[in-house]
N, C-alpha and C. Protein backbone atom coordinates (compact mmCIF):
# COMPACT_ATOMS: atom_id res chain seq x y z
N UNK A 1 -0.03 42.16 72.17
CA UNK A 1 1.46 42.33 72.59
C UNK A 1 2.29 42.31 72.01
N UNK A 2 3.45 43.73 72.81
CA UNK A 2 4.60 44.21 71.59
C UNK A 2 5.94 43.09 72.11
N UNK A 3 6.56 43.76 71.14
CA UNK A 3 8.00 42.94 71.02
C UNK A 3 8.43 42.86 72.19
N UNK A 4 8.69 44.02 73.31
CA UNK A 4 9.10 44.17 74.55
C UNK A 4 8.48 42.97 75.32
N UNK A 5 7.57 43.12 74.93
CA UNK A 5 6.84 42.15 76.42
C UNK A 5 6.70 40.30 75.60
N UNK A 6 7.12 40.33 74.64
CA UNK A 6 7.74 39.31 74.03
C UNK A 6 9.05 38.65 74.67
N UNK A 7 9.63 40.09 74.75
CA UNK A 7 10.99 39.96 74.64
C UNK A 7 11.98 40.97 75.80
N UNK A 8 11.14 40.25 77.20
CA UNK A 8 11.25 41.37 77.86
C UNK A 8 13.42 41.40 78.29
N UNK A 9 13.94 40.62 77.94
CA UNK A 9 15.72 40.44 77.94
C UNK A 9 16.67 41.56 77.13
N UNK A 10 15.69 41.39 75.84
CA UNK A 10 16.35 42.14 74.60
C UNK A 10 15.81 43.68 75.21
N UNK A 11 14.83 43.86 75.52
CA UNK A 11 14.19 44.95 75.95
C UNK A 11 14.96 45.83 76.92
N UNK A 12 15.37 44.64 78.09
CA UNK A 12 16.17 45.23 79.12
C UNK A 12 17.65 45.88 78.29
N UNK A 13 18.33 45.12 77.05
CA UNK A 13 19.30 45.69 76.71
C UNK A 13 19.41 46.19 76.05
N UNK A 14 18.15 46.62 74.98
CA UNK A 14 18.37 48.15 74.72
C UNK A 14 18.35 49.31 75.52
N UNK A 15 17.41 49.01 76.24
CA UNK A 15 17.49 49.61 77.56
C UNK A 15 18.77 50.47 78.09
N UNK A 16 19.73 49.52 78.68
CA UNK A 16 20.78 49.22 79.25
C UNK A 16 21.78 50.05 77.82
N UNK A 17 21.80 49.77 77.46
CA UNK A 17 22.64 50.35 76.13
C UNK A 17 22.27 52.01 76.04
N UNK A 18 21.27 52.01 75.82
CA UNK A 18 20.60 53.43 75.71
C UNK A 18 21.31 54.25 76.86
N UNK A 19 20.83 53.45 78.05
CA UNK A 19 21.39 54.48 79.51
C UNK A 19 22.69 54.78 79.52
N UNK A 20 23.74 53.82 78.60
CA UNK A 20 25.08 54.57 78.69
C UNK A 20 25.22 54.81 77.81
N UNK A 21 24.20 55.12 76.38
CA UNK A 21 24.90 56.50 75.21
C UNK A 21 24.16 57.59 75.64
N UNK A 22 22.92 57.93 76.03
CA UNK A 22 22.30 59.11 76.13
C UNK A 22 22.03 59.43 77.50
N UNK A 23 22.55 60.70 77.48
CA UNK A 23 21.96 61.73 78.59
C UNK A 23 20.85 62.25 79.38
N UNK A 24 20.30 62.16 80.39
CA UNK A 24 18.70 62.38 80.42
C UNK A 24 17.71 60.92 79.75
N UNK A 25 18.53 60.33 80.06
CA UNK A 25 17.62 59.04 79.58
C UNK A 25 16.24 58.77 79.86
N UNK A 26 15.35 58.19 79.05
CA UNK A 26 14.34 57.65 79.25
C UNK A 26 13.69 56.96 78.15
N UNK A 27 12.26 56.00 79.10
CA UNK A 27 12.43 54.95 77.92
C UNK A 27 10.53 54.63 78.22
N UNK A 28 9.95 54.15 77.71
CA UNK A 28 8.68 53.98 77.51
C UNK A 28 7.79 53.03 76.49
N UNK A 29 6.38 53.04 76.38
CA UNK A 29 5.76 52.32 75.50
C UNK A 29 4.95 53.75 74.74
N UNK A 30 4.80 54.09 73.76
CA UNK A 30 4.06 54.94 73.38
C UNK A 30 2.29 54.50 72.93
N UNK A 31 1.55 55.18 72.00
CA UNK A 31 0.21 54.90 71.39
C UNK A 31 0.94 53.59 70.25
N UNK A 32 0.11 52.23 70.11
CA UNK A 32 -0.08 51.25 69.20
C UNK A 32 1.15 50.15 69.87
N UNK A 33 1.77 50.93 70.94
CA UNK A 33 2.96 49.42 71.44
C UNK A 33 4.42 50.01 70.75
N UNK A 34 4.00 51.07 70.42
CA UNK A 34 5.46 51.73 69.86
C UNK A 34 6.77 52.24 71.00
N UNK A 35 7.58 50.98 71.54
CA UNK A 35 8.35 51.11 72.61
C UNK A 35 9.47 52.33 71.87
N UNK A 36 10.00 53.47 72.88
CA UNK A 36 11.02 53.88 72.71
C UNK A 36 12.04 54.50 73.90
N UNK A 37 13.29 54.80 73.14
CA UNK A 37 14.67 54.98 74.11
C UNK A 37 14.42 56.68 73.60
N UNK A 38 14.76 57.67 74.57
CA UNK A 38 14.53 59.20 74.45
C UNK A 38 15.83 60.03 75.36
N UNK A 39 16.63 60.78 74.72
CA UNK A 39 17.85 61.14 75.31
C UNK A 39 18.68 61.96 74.77
N UNK A 40 19.48 62.89 75.21
CA UNK A 40 20.67 63.57 74.72
C UNK A 40 21.92 62.69 74.10
N UNK A 41 22.17 63.22 72.64
CA UNK A 41 23.26 62.49 72.11
C UNK A 41 24.66 63.53 71.85
N UNK A 42 25.47 62.75 72.50
CA UNK A 42 26.51 64.34 71.98
C UNK A 42 27.61 63.30 70.65
N UNK A 43 27.43 64.35 70.13
CA UNK A 43 28.16 64.21 68.89
C UNK A 43 29.61 64.98 69.02
N UNK A 44 30.82 63.85 69.17
CA UNK A 44 32.37 64.39 69.36
C UNK A 44 33.24 63.80 68.97
N UNK A 45 34.44 64.18 69.10
CA UNK A 45 35.70 63.91 68.02
C UNK A 45 36.21 63.53 68.95
N UNK A 46 37.14 62.01 68.63
CA UNK A 46 37.35 61.09 69.57
C UNK A 46 38.18 61.69 70.45
N UNK A 47 38.65 63.08 70.70
CA UNK A 47 39.75 63.57 71.44
C UNK A 47 38.38 64.66 72.47
N UNK A 48 37.27 64.50 72.59
CA UNK A 48 35.98 65.06 73.61
C UNK A 48 35.78 66.14 73.34
N UNK A 49 36.04 66.75 71.83
CA UNK A 49 35.44 68.35 71.21
C UNK A 49 33.89 67.71 71.12
N UNK A 50 33.29 68.25 71.74
CA UNK A 50 31.93 68.52 71.25
C UNK A 50 31.09 69.21 70.44
N UNK A 51 30.36 68.23 69.50
CA UNK A 51 30.31 69.20 68.08
C UNK A 51 28.50 69.65 68.38
N UNK A 52 27.83 69.04 68.75
CA UNK A 52 26.45 69.14 68.84
C UNK A 52 26.16 68.15 69.89
N UNK A 53 24.92 68.19 70.87
CA UNK A 53 24.51 67.97 71.32
C UNK A 53 22.74 67.85 71.31
N UNK A 54 22.22 66.23 70.92
CA UNK A 54 20.76 66.74 70.56
C UNK A 54 19.69 65.54 71.32
N UNK A 55 19.13 66.11 70.92
CA UNK A 55 18.03 64.80 71.85
C UNK A 55 17.56 64.08 70.60
N UNK A 56 17.63 62.98 70.82
CA UNK A 56 16.87 61.91 70.13
C UNK A 56 16.14 60.81 70.46
N UNK A 57 15.43 60.46 69.55
CA UNK A 57 14.49 59.35 70.27
C UNK A 57 14.42 57.88 69.20
N UNK A 58 14.35 56.83 69.84
CA UNK A 58 14.64 55.79 69.28
C UNK A 58 13.44 54.91 69.33
N UNK A 59 12.80 54.89 68.23
CA UNK A 59 11.17 54.01 68.09
C UNK A 59 11.57 52.66 67.48
N UNK A 60 10.62 51.89 68.11
CA UNK A 60 11.08 50.44 67.87
C UNK A 60 9.53 50.06 67.22
N UNK A 61 9.70 49.65 65.96
CA UNK A 61 8.25 48.99 65.49
C UNK A 61 7.40 47.88 66.28
N UNK A 62 6.17 47.87 66.68
CA UNK A 62 5.64 46.47 67.48
C UNK A 62 6.07 45.30 66.53
N UNK A 63 6.71 45.14 66.03
CA UNK A 63 7.39 44.01 65.09
C UNK A 63 8.42 43.39 65.61
N UNK A 64 9.48 44.68 66.15
CA UNK A 64 10.78 44.26 66.19
C UNK A 64 11.25 43.46 67.00
N UNK A 65 11.81 42.57 66.95
CA UNK A 65 13.19 42.43 65.79
C UNK A 65 12.95 41.65 64.31
N UNK A 66 11.85 41.18 64.31
CA UNK A 66 11.61 40.49 63.27
C UNK A 66 12.20 41.06 61.69
N UNK A 67 12.71 40.24 60.66
CA UNK A 67 13.08 41.07 59.62
C UNK A 67 12.34 41.23 59.15
N UNK A 68 13.34 42.59 58.51
CA UNK A 68 12.83 43.80 58.23
C UNK A 68 12.20 44.83 58.82
N UNK A 69 11.99 44.81 60.23
CA UNK A 69 11.62 45.99 60.98
C UNK A 69 13.37 46.46 61.68
N UNK A 70 13.08 47.81 61.26
CA UNK A 70 14.25 48.47 61.89
C UNK A 70 13.99 49.88 62.76
N UNK A 71 14.36 50.22 63.89
CA UNK A 71 14.26 51.24 64.64
C UNK A 71 14.17 52.64 63.73
N UNK A 72 13.49 53.53 64.14
CA UNK A 72 13.18 54.67 63.56
C UNK A 72 14.14 55.38 64.64
N UNK A 73 15.16 56.71 63.96
CA UNK A 73 15.59 58.20 64.77
C UNK A 73 14.64 59.13 64.29
N UNK A 74 14.63 59.67 65.48
CA UNK A 74 13.69 61.04 65.52
C UNK A 74 14.40 62.16 65.92
N UNK A 75 14.86 63.37 65.74
CA UNK A 75 15.40 64.20 65.80
C UNK A 75 14.37 65.09 67.13
N UNK A 76 14.67 65.34 68.23
CA UNK A 76 13.52 65.81 68.88
C UNK A 76 13.78 67.34 68.92
N UNK A 77 15.08 67.79 69.25
CA UNK A 77 15.75 69.02 69.58
C UNK A 77 16.17 69.48 68.01
N UNK A 78 16.55 70.76 68.04
CA UNK A 78 17.05 71.18 66.86
C UNK A 78 15.72 71.65 65.94
N UNK A 79 14.71 71.58 66.22
CA UNK A 79 13.76 71.75 65.21
C UNK A 79 13.33 73.34 65.25
N UNK A 80 14.23 74.17 65.94
CA UNK A 80 14.28 75.77 65.94
C UNK A 80 15.41 76.39 65.24
N UNK A 81 16.31 75.17 64.98
CA UNK A 81 17.58 75.67 64.44
C UNK A 81 18.22 75.11 62.90
N UNK A 82 17.66 73.99 63.12
CA UNK A 82 17.58 73.14 61.95
C UNK A 82 16.65 72.79 60.66
N UNK A 83 17.18 72.80 59.89
CA UNK A 83 16.19 73.20 58.60
C UNK A 83 15.88 71.38 58.27
N UNK A 84 14.90 70.95 57.56
CA UNK A 84 14.57 69.62 57.41
C UNK A 84 14.33 69.19 55.91
N UNK A 85 14.01 68.24 55.06
CA UNK A 85 13.72 68.10 54.01
C UNK A 85 14.57 68.28 53.13
N UNK A 86 15.07 68.37 51.41
CA UNK A 86 15.78 68.21 50.46
C UNK A 86 16.98 67.43 51.30
N UNK A 87 18.41 67.70 50.94
CA UNK A 87 19.58 67.65 51.09
C UNK A 87 19.73 67.41 52.43
N UNK A 88 19.11 67.62 53.69
CA UNK A 88 19.51 67.84 54.96
C UNK A 88 19.19 65.84 55.83
N UNK A 89 18.83 65.55 54.55
CA UNK A 89 18.51 64.11 55.39
C UNK A 89 17.43 63.87 56.32
N UNK A 90 16.70 65.05 56.92
CA UNK A 90 15.81 65.23 57.77
C UNK A 90 14.46 65.20 57.30
N UNK A 91 13.53 63.98 57.18
CA UNK A 91 12.30 63.79 56.54
C UNK A 91 11.30 64.69 57.85
N UNK A 92 10.06 64.79 56.84
CA UNK A 92 9.22 65.86 57.34
C UNK A 92 8.97 65.68 58.40
N UNK A 93 8.99 64.23 59.52
CA UNK A 93 8.48 64.32 60.74
C UNK A 93 9.26 63.85 61.29
N UNK A 94 10.28 64.57 61.15
CA UNK A 94 12.04 65.14 61.49
C UNK A 94 12.48 63.13 61.88
N UNK A 95 12.18 62.81 61.40
CA UNK A 95 13.16 61.34 61.27
C UNK A 95 14.29 61.81 60.72
N UNK A 96 15.02 60.29 60.44
CA UNK A 96 16.55 61.12 60.05
C UNK A 96 17.17 59.81 59.04
N UNK A 97 17.29 60.49 57.47
CA UNK A 97 16.98 59.18 56.77
C UNK A 97 18.76 58.90 56.80
N UNK A 98 18.94 57.76 57.36
CA UNK A 98 20.19 57.43 58.07
C UNK A 98 21.27 56.59 56.85
N UNK A 99 20.17 55.83 56.09
CA UNK A 99 21.03 54.76 55.52
C UNK A 99 19.63 53.65 54.12
N UNK A 100 19.80 53.30 53.25
CA UNK A 100 19.20 52.16 52.70
C UNK A 100 19.70 51.65 53.67
N UNK A 101 18.21 50.59 54.12
CA UNK A 101 18.19 49.32 55.19
C UNK A 101 19.47 48.31 54.74
N UNK A 102 19.24 47.88 53.81
CA UNK A 102 19.70 46.79 53.06
C UNK A 102 21.43 46.92 53.22
N UNK A 103 21.69 48.43 53.60
CA UNK A 103 23.06 48.54 52.84
C UNK A 103 23.90 48.86 54.21
N UNK A 104 23.14 48.98 55.64
CA UNK A 104 23.67 49.14 57.04
C UNK A 104 24.88 49.03 56.97
N UNK A 105 24.41 47.32 56.68
CA UNK A 105 25.47 46.17 57.83
C UNK A 105 25.03 45.90 59.18
N UNK A 106 23.88 46.66 59.70
CA UNK A 106 23.49 46.30 60.78
C UNK A 106 22.36 45.14 60.94
N UNK A 107 22.90 44.24 61.88
CA UNK A 107 22.19 42.95 61.64
C UNK A 107 21.10 43.22 63.42
N UNK A 108 19.92 43.79 63.12
CA UNK A 108 18.99 43.97 64.30
C UNK A 108 18.61 43.35 64.92
N UNK A 109 18.75 41.57 64.60
CA UNK A 109 18.28 40.39 65.38
C UNK A 109 19.61 40.15 66.63
N UNK A 110 20.75 41.05 66.13
CA UNK A 110 21.64 40.74 67.54
C UNK A 110 21.28 41.65 68.50
N UNK A 111 21.66 41.08 69.78
CA UNK A 111 21.18 42.16 71.14
C UNK A 111 21.90 43.67 71.34
N UNK A 112 23.01 43.79 70.59
CA UNK A 112 23.97 44.96 70.70
C UNK A 112 23.96 45.79 69.63
N UNK A 113 22.95 45.38 68.79
CA UNK A 113 22.74 46.18 66.81
C UNK A 113 22.62 47.54 67.41
N UNK A 114 21.97 48.40 68.89
CA UNK A 114 21.66 49.51 69.10
C UNK A 114 23.02 50.36 68.94
N UNK A 115 24.24 49.63 69.61
CA UNK A 115 25.42 50.27 69.14
C UNK A 115 25.85 50.64 68.35
N UNK A 116 25.56 49.91 67.47
CA UNK A 116 25.81 49.94 65.95
C UNK A 116 25.09 50.99 64.95
N UNK A 117 23.42 50.77 65.50
CA UNK A 117 22.84 52.31 65.23
C UNK A 117 23.75 53.38 65.74
N UNK A 118 23.52 53.54 67.08
CA UNK A 118 23.97 54.77 67.52
C UNK A 118 25.30 54.97 66.82
N UNK A 119 26.18 54.61 66.27
CA UNK A 119 27.77 54.34 65.90
C UNK A 119 27.20 55.48 63.95
N UNK A 120 26.23 54.40 63.88
CA UNK A 120 25.68 55.39 62.33
C UNK A 120 25.46 56.86 62.51
N UNK A 121 24.20 56.79 63.62
CA UNK A 121 23.84 58.11 64.07
C UNK A 121 24.70 58.98 64.65
N UNK A 122 25.93 58.94 64.79
CA UNK A 122 26.88 59.30 65.18
C UNK A 122 27.79 60.37 63.97
N UNK A 123 27.97 59.47 62.94
CA UNK A 123 28.63 59.85 61.89
C UNK A 123 27.47 60.70 60.89
N UNK A 124 26.55 60.41 60.80
CA UNK A 124 25.73 61.22 60.17
C UNK A 124 25.06 62.51 60.98
N UNK A 125 24.83 62.41 62.16
CA UNK A 125 24.83 64.03 62.92
C UNK A 125 25.70 65.05 62.83
N UNK A 126 27.46 64.02 62.79
CA UNK A 126 28.45 64.81 62.41
C UNK A 126 28.34 65.85 61.11
N UNK A 127 28.13 65.00 60.30
CA UNK A 127 27.40 65.22 58.79
C UNK A 127 26.54 66.58 58.74
N UNK A 128 25.91 66.10 59.43
CA UNK A 128 24.35 67.16 59.86
C UNK A 128 24.80 68.49 60.05
N UNK A 129 25.42 68.15 61.32
CA UNK A 129 26.18 69.64 62.11
C UNK A 129 26.70 70.57 60.74
N UNK A 130 27.67 69.96 60.31
CA UNK A 130 28.47 70.16 58.91
C UNK A 130 27.04 71.15 58.10
N UNK A 131 26.54 70.11 57.37
CA UNK A 131 25.95 70.88 56.49
C UNK A 131 24.76 71.75 57.18
N UNK A 132 24.50 71.75 58.22
CA UNK A 132 23.38 73.13 58.57
C UNK A 132 24.15 74.22 58.79
N UNK A 133 25.47 73.95 59.61
CA UNK A 133 26.49 75.05 59.20
C UNK A 133 26.36 75.81 57.85
N UNK A 134 26.75 74.72 56.80
CA UNK A 134 26.58 75.40 55.48
C UNK A 134 25.80 76.03 54.62
N UNK A 135 24.43 75.38 55.43
CA UNK A 135 22.89 76.28 55.07
C UNK A 135 22.88 77.60 55.68
N UNK A 136 23.10 77.55 56.74
CA UNK A 136 23.22 79.18 56.97
C UNK A 136 24.07 80.26 56.43
N UNK A 137 25.94 79.62 56.63
CA UNK A 137 26.51 80.49 55.40
C UNK A 137 25.91 80.94 54.20
N UNK A 138 24.90 79.82 53.71
CA UNK A 138 24.33 79.87 51.89
C UNK A 138 23.71 81.24 52.17
N UNK A 139 22.84 81.25 52.62
CA UNK A 139 22.06 82.52 53.32
C UNK A 139 22.91 84.06 52.75
N UNK A 140 23.96 83.81 53.33
CA UNK A 140 24.89 85.31 53.53
C UNK A 140 25.63 85.42 52.24
N UNK A 141 26.48 83.94 52.11
CA UNK A 141 27.13 83.98 50.53
C UNK A 141 26.83 83.84 49.34
N UNK A 142 25.69 82.77 49.21
CA UNK A 142 24.97 82.54 48.65
C UNK A 142 25.46 81.36 47.47
N UNK A 143 26.67 80.66 48.26
CA UNK A 143 27.13 79.33 47.83
C UNK A 143 26.36 78.47 48.30
N UNK A 144 25.81 77.34 47.46
CA UNK A 144 24.92 76.27 47.57
C UNK A 144 25.57 75.49 49.05
N UNK A 145 24.71 74.78 49.94
CA UNK A 145 25.29 74.11 50.67
C UNK A 145 25.08 72.60 49.80
N UNK A 146 26.22 71.74 50.39
CA UNK A 146 26.70 70.61 49.90
C UNK A 146 26.52 69.74 50.94
N UNK A 147 26.06 68.36 50.94
CA UNK A 147 25.90 67.34 52.17
C UNK A 147 27.46 66.94 52.00
N UNK A 148 28.14 66.96 52.99
CA UNK A 148 29.95 66.59 53.43
C UNK A 148 29.60 64.96 53.14
N UNK A 149 30.28 64.57 52.05
CA UNK A 149 29.99 62.84 51.95
C UNK A 149 29.50 62.37 50.68
N UNK A 150 29.40 60.90 50.56
CA UNK A 150 28.31 60.23 49.58
C UNK A 150 27.31 60.35 50.34
N UNK A 151 25.67 60.38 49.86
CA UNK A 151 24.62 60.17 50.18
C UNK A 151 23.62 59.23 49.57
N UNK A 152 22.69 58.94 49.37
CA UNK A 152 21.28 58.29 48.15
C UNK A 152 20.73 59.29 48.37
N UNK A 153 19.74 58.87 47.74
CA UNK A 153 18.40 59.86 47.37
C UNK A 153 17.62 59.19 48.16
N UNK A 154 16.49 59.40 48.44
CA UNK A 154 15.70 59.36 49.88
C UNK A 154 14.34 58.18 48.90
N UNK A 155 14.05 57.13 49.89
CA UNK A 155 13.03 56.75 49.22
C UNK A 155 13.51 55.93 48.65
N UNK A 156 12.15 55.51 47.29
CA UNK A 156 12.48 54.59 46.49
C UNK A 156 14.06 54.70 45.63
N UNK A 157 14.06 56.23 45.43
CA UNK A 157 14.95 56.28 44.61
C UNK A 157 16.60 56.33 45.18
N UNK A 158 16.73 56.20 46.61
CA UNK A 158 17.59 55.75 46.98
C UNK A 158 17.88 54.16 46.90
N UNK A 159 16.95 53.31 46.97
CA UNK A 159 16.75 51.71 46.59
C UNK A 159 16.73 51.76 45.52
N UNK A 160 16.50 52.23 44.24
CA UNK A 160 17.28 52.15 43.02
C UNK A 160 18.59 52.20 42.81
N UNK A 161 18.94 53.45 43.45
CA UNK A 161 20.61 53.46 43.49
C UNK A 161 21.48 52.66 43.89
N UNK A 162 21.19 52.10 44.52
CA UNK A 162 21.70 50.85 45.56
C UNK A 162 21.93 49.32 44.46
N UNK A 163 20.70 49.38 44.06
CA UNK A 163 19.89 48.40 43.35
C UNK A 163 21.25 48.72 41.73
N UNK A 164 21.15 50.12 41.12
CA UNK A 164 22.23 50.01 40.18
C UNK A 164 23.32 49.96 40.61
N UNK A 165 24.11 50.78 41.17
CA UNK A 165 25.42 50.13 42.20
C UNK A 165 25.91 48.74 42.42
N UNK A 166 24.85 47.78 42.81
CA UNK A 166 25.54 46.41 43.42
C UNK A 166 25.09 45.66 41.83
N UNK A 167 24.87 46.28 40.82
CA UNK A 167 25.04 45.86 39.53
C UNK A 167 23.73 45.20 39.31
N UNK A 168 22.33 45.33 39.92
CA UNK A 168 21.07 44.18 40.02
C UNK A 168 21.12 43.56 41.30
N UNK A 169 20.49 43.39 41.14
CA UNK A 169 19.63 42.52 42.74
C UNK A 169 18.97 41.28 41.83
N UNK A 170 18.84 40.07 42.18
CA UNK A 170 18.69 38.87 41.67
C UNK A 170 17.15 38.87 42.13
N UNK A 171 16.57 38.30 41.32
CA UNK A 171 14.86 38.40 41.84
C UNK A 171 14.59 37.27 43.16
N UNK A 172 15.20 36.55 43.71
CA UNK A 172 14.79 35.87 44.88
C UNK A 172 16.15 36.00 46.05
N UNK A 173 16.54 37.04 45.87
CA UNK A 173 17.70 38.05 46.75
C UNK A 173 17.05 38.95 47.89
N UNK A 174 17.48 38.98 48.81
CA UNK A 174 17.28 39.94 49.87
C UNK A 174 16.81 41.24 49.20
N UNK A 175 15.47 42.21 49.76
CA UNK A 175 15.02 43.37 49.24
C UNK A 175 16.08 44.48 49.41
N UNK A 176 16.97 45.43 49.10
CA UNK A 176 17.98 46.08 49.53
C UNK A 176 17.04 47.06 50.37
N UNK A 177 15.88 47.39 50.28
CA UNK A 177 14.92 48.22 51.41
C UNK A 177 15.15 47.86 52.68
N UNK A 178 15.56 46.35 52.91
CA UNK A 178 15.63 45.72 54.24
C UNK A 178 14.55 44.99 55.06
N UNK A 179 13.29 45.20 54.11
CA UNK A 179 12.32 44.58 54.86
C UNK A 179 12.68 43.20 54.99
N UNK A 180 13.58 42.29 54.38
CA UNK A 180 13.43 41.22 54.88
C UNK A 180 12.53 39.98 53.65
N UNK A 181 12.43 40.60 52.66
CA UNK A 181 11.21 39.79 51.88
C UNK A 181 12.58 39.92 50.93
N UNK A 182 11.82 38.80 49.73
CA UNK A 182 12.89 38.49 48.62
C UNK A 182 12.16 40.35 47.60
N UNK A 183 12.87 40.32 46.94
CA UNK A 183 13.19 41.48 45.78
C UNK A 183 12.15 41.28 44.81
N UNK A 184 11.71 40.20 44.05
CA UNK A 184 10.82 40.06 43.41
C UNK A 184 9.21 40.40 43.97
N UNK A 185 8.93 40.51 45.35
CA UNK A 185 7.82 40.58 46.25
C UNK A 185 8.02 41.42 46.75
N UNK A 186 8.87 42.24 46.62
CA UNK A 186 8.99 43.85 47.54
C UNK A 186 8.76 45.18 46.53
N UNK A 187 10.33 45.54 46.01
CA UNK A 187 10.52 46.78 45.42
C UNK A 187 10.77 46.75 44.06
N UNK A 188 10.75 45.36 43.40
CA UNK A 188 11.37 45.33 42.04
C UNK A 188 9.86 45.43 41.08
N UNK A 189 8.80 45.82 41.43
CA UNK A 189 7.75 46.73 40.77
C UNK A 189 7.72 47.67 40.42
N UNK A 190 8.30 48.21 42.07
CA UNK A 190 7.94 49.95 42.22
C UNK A 190 8.94 50.40 41.40
N UNK A 191 10.41 49.39 41.23
CA UNK A 191 11.50 49.95 41.03
C UNK A 191 11.48 49.87 38.75
N UNK A 192 10.45 49.40 38.65
CA UNK A 192 9.92 48.88 37.19
C UNK A 192 10.99 47.99 36.73
N UNK A 193 11.37 46.93 37.49
CA UNK A 193 12.61 46.10 36.90
C UNK A 193 12.14 44.24 36.53
């Protein structure tokens, strides 16, 4: 039984937020019990200027919202015009590398956390829009495209940066990867600490 069946009120709340935020909204459950929301997300200024409209898919792991489980945001559109990999912060499977989970500040235990996730995605996608434009210019000018703003490395390297920046993480503190486990039984060994 998936989380959406165990907690239908929460699933309804997620869908309600999705309907309010995404155009052409749809939701469902895919193979393996992965619940999802999908639709067109508009990246726009406070004054209504639209920079991009992208189709996003938010996939929830079957154990959501247990500690350490976070939704994955996947770019469905723009695959024919945006580049993935490297400094684009778009993974090879078109999922977005939005943050180091332990640093996101999003409490996915809260019923309105999807609003926070969409806020982070909005900022990320605005930067992605600028970066992808810089990649196009790079082809013509030779000037290297640079991600606009702060960014962590990907995967374990990003977690290591978060640990260093924090000045270390105690063995019994929550792991910065967002797993919900103690650091000593999660990423500490992978980071060689």
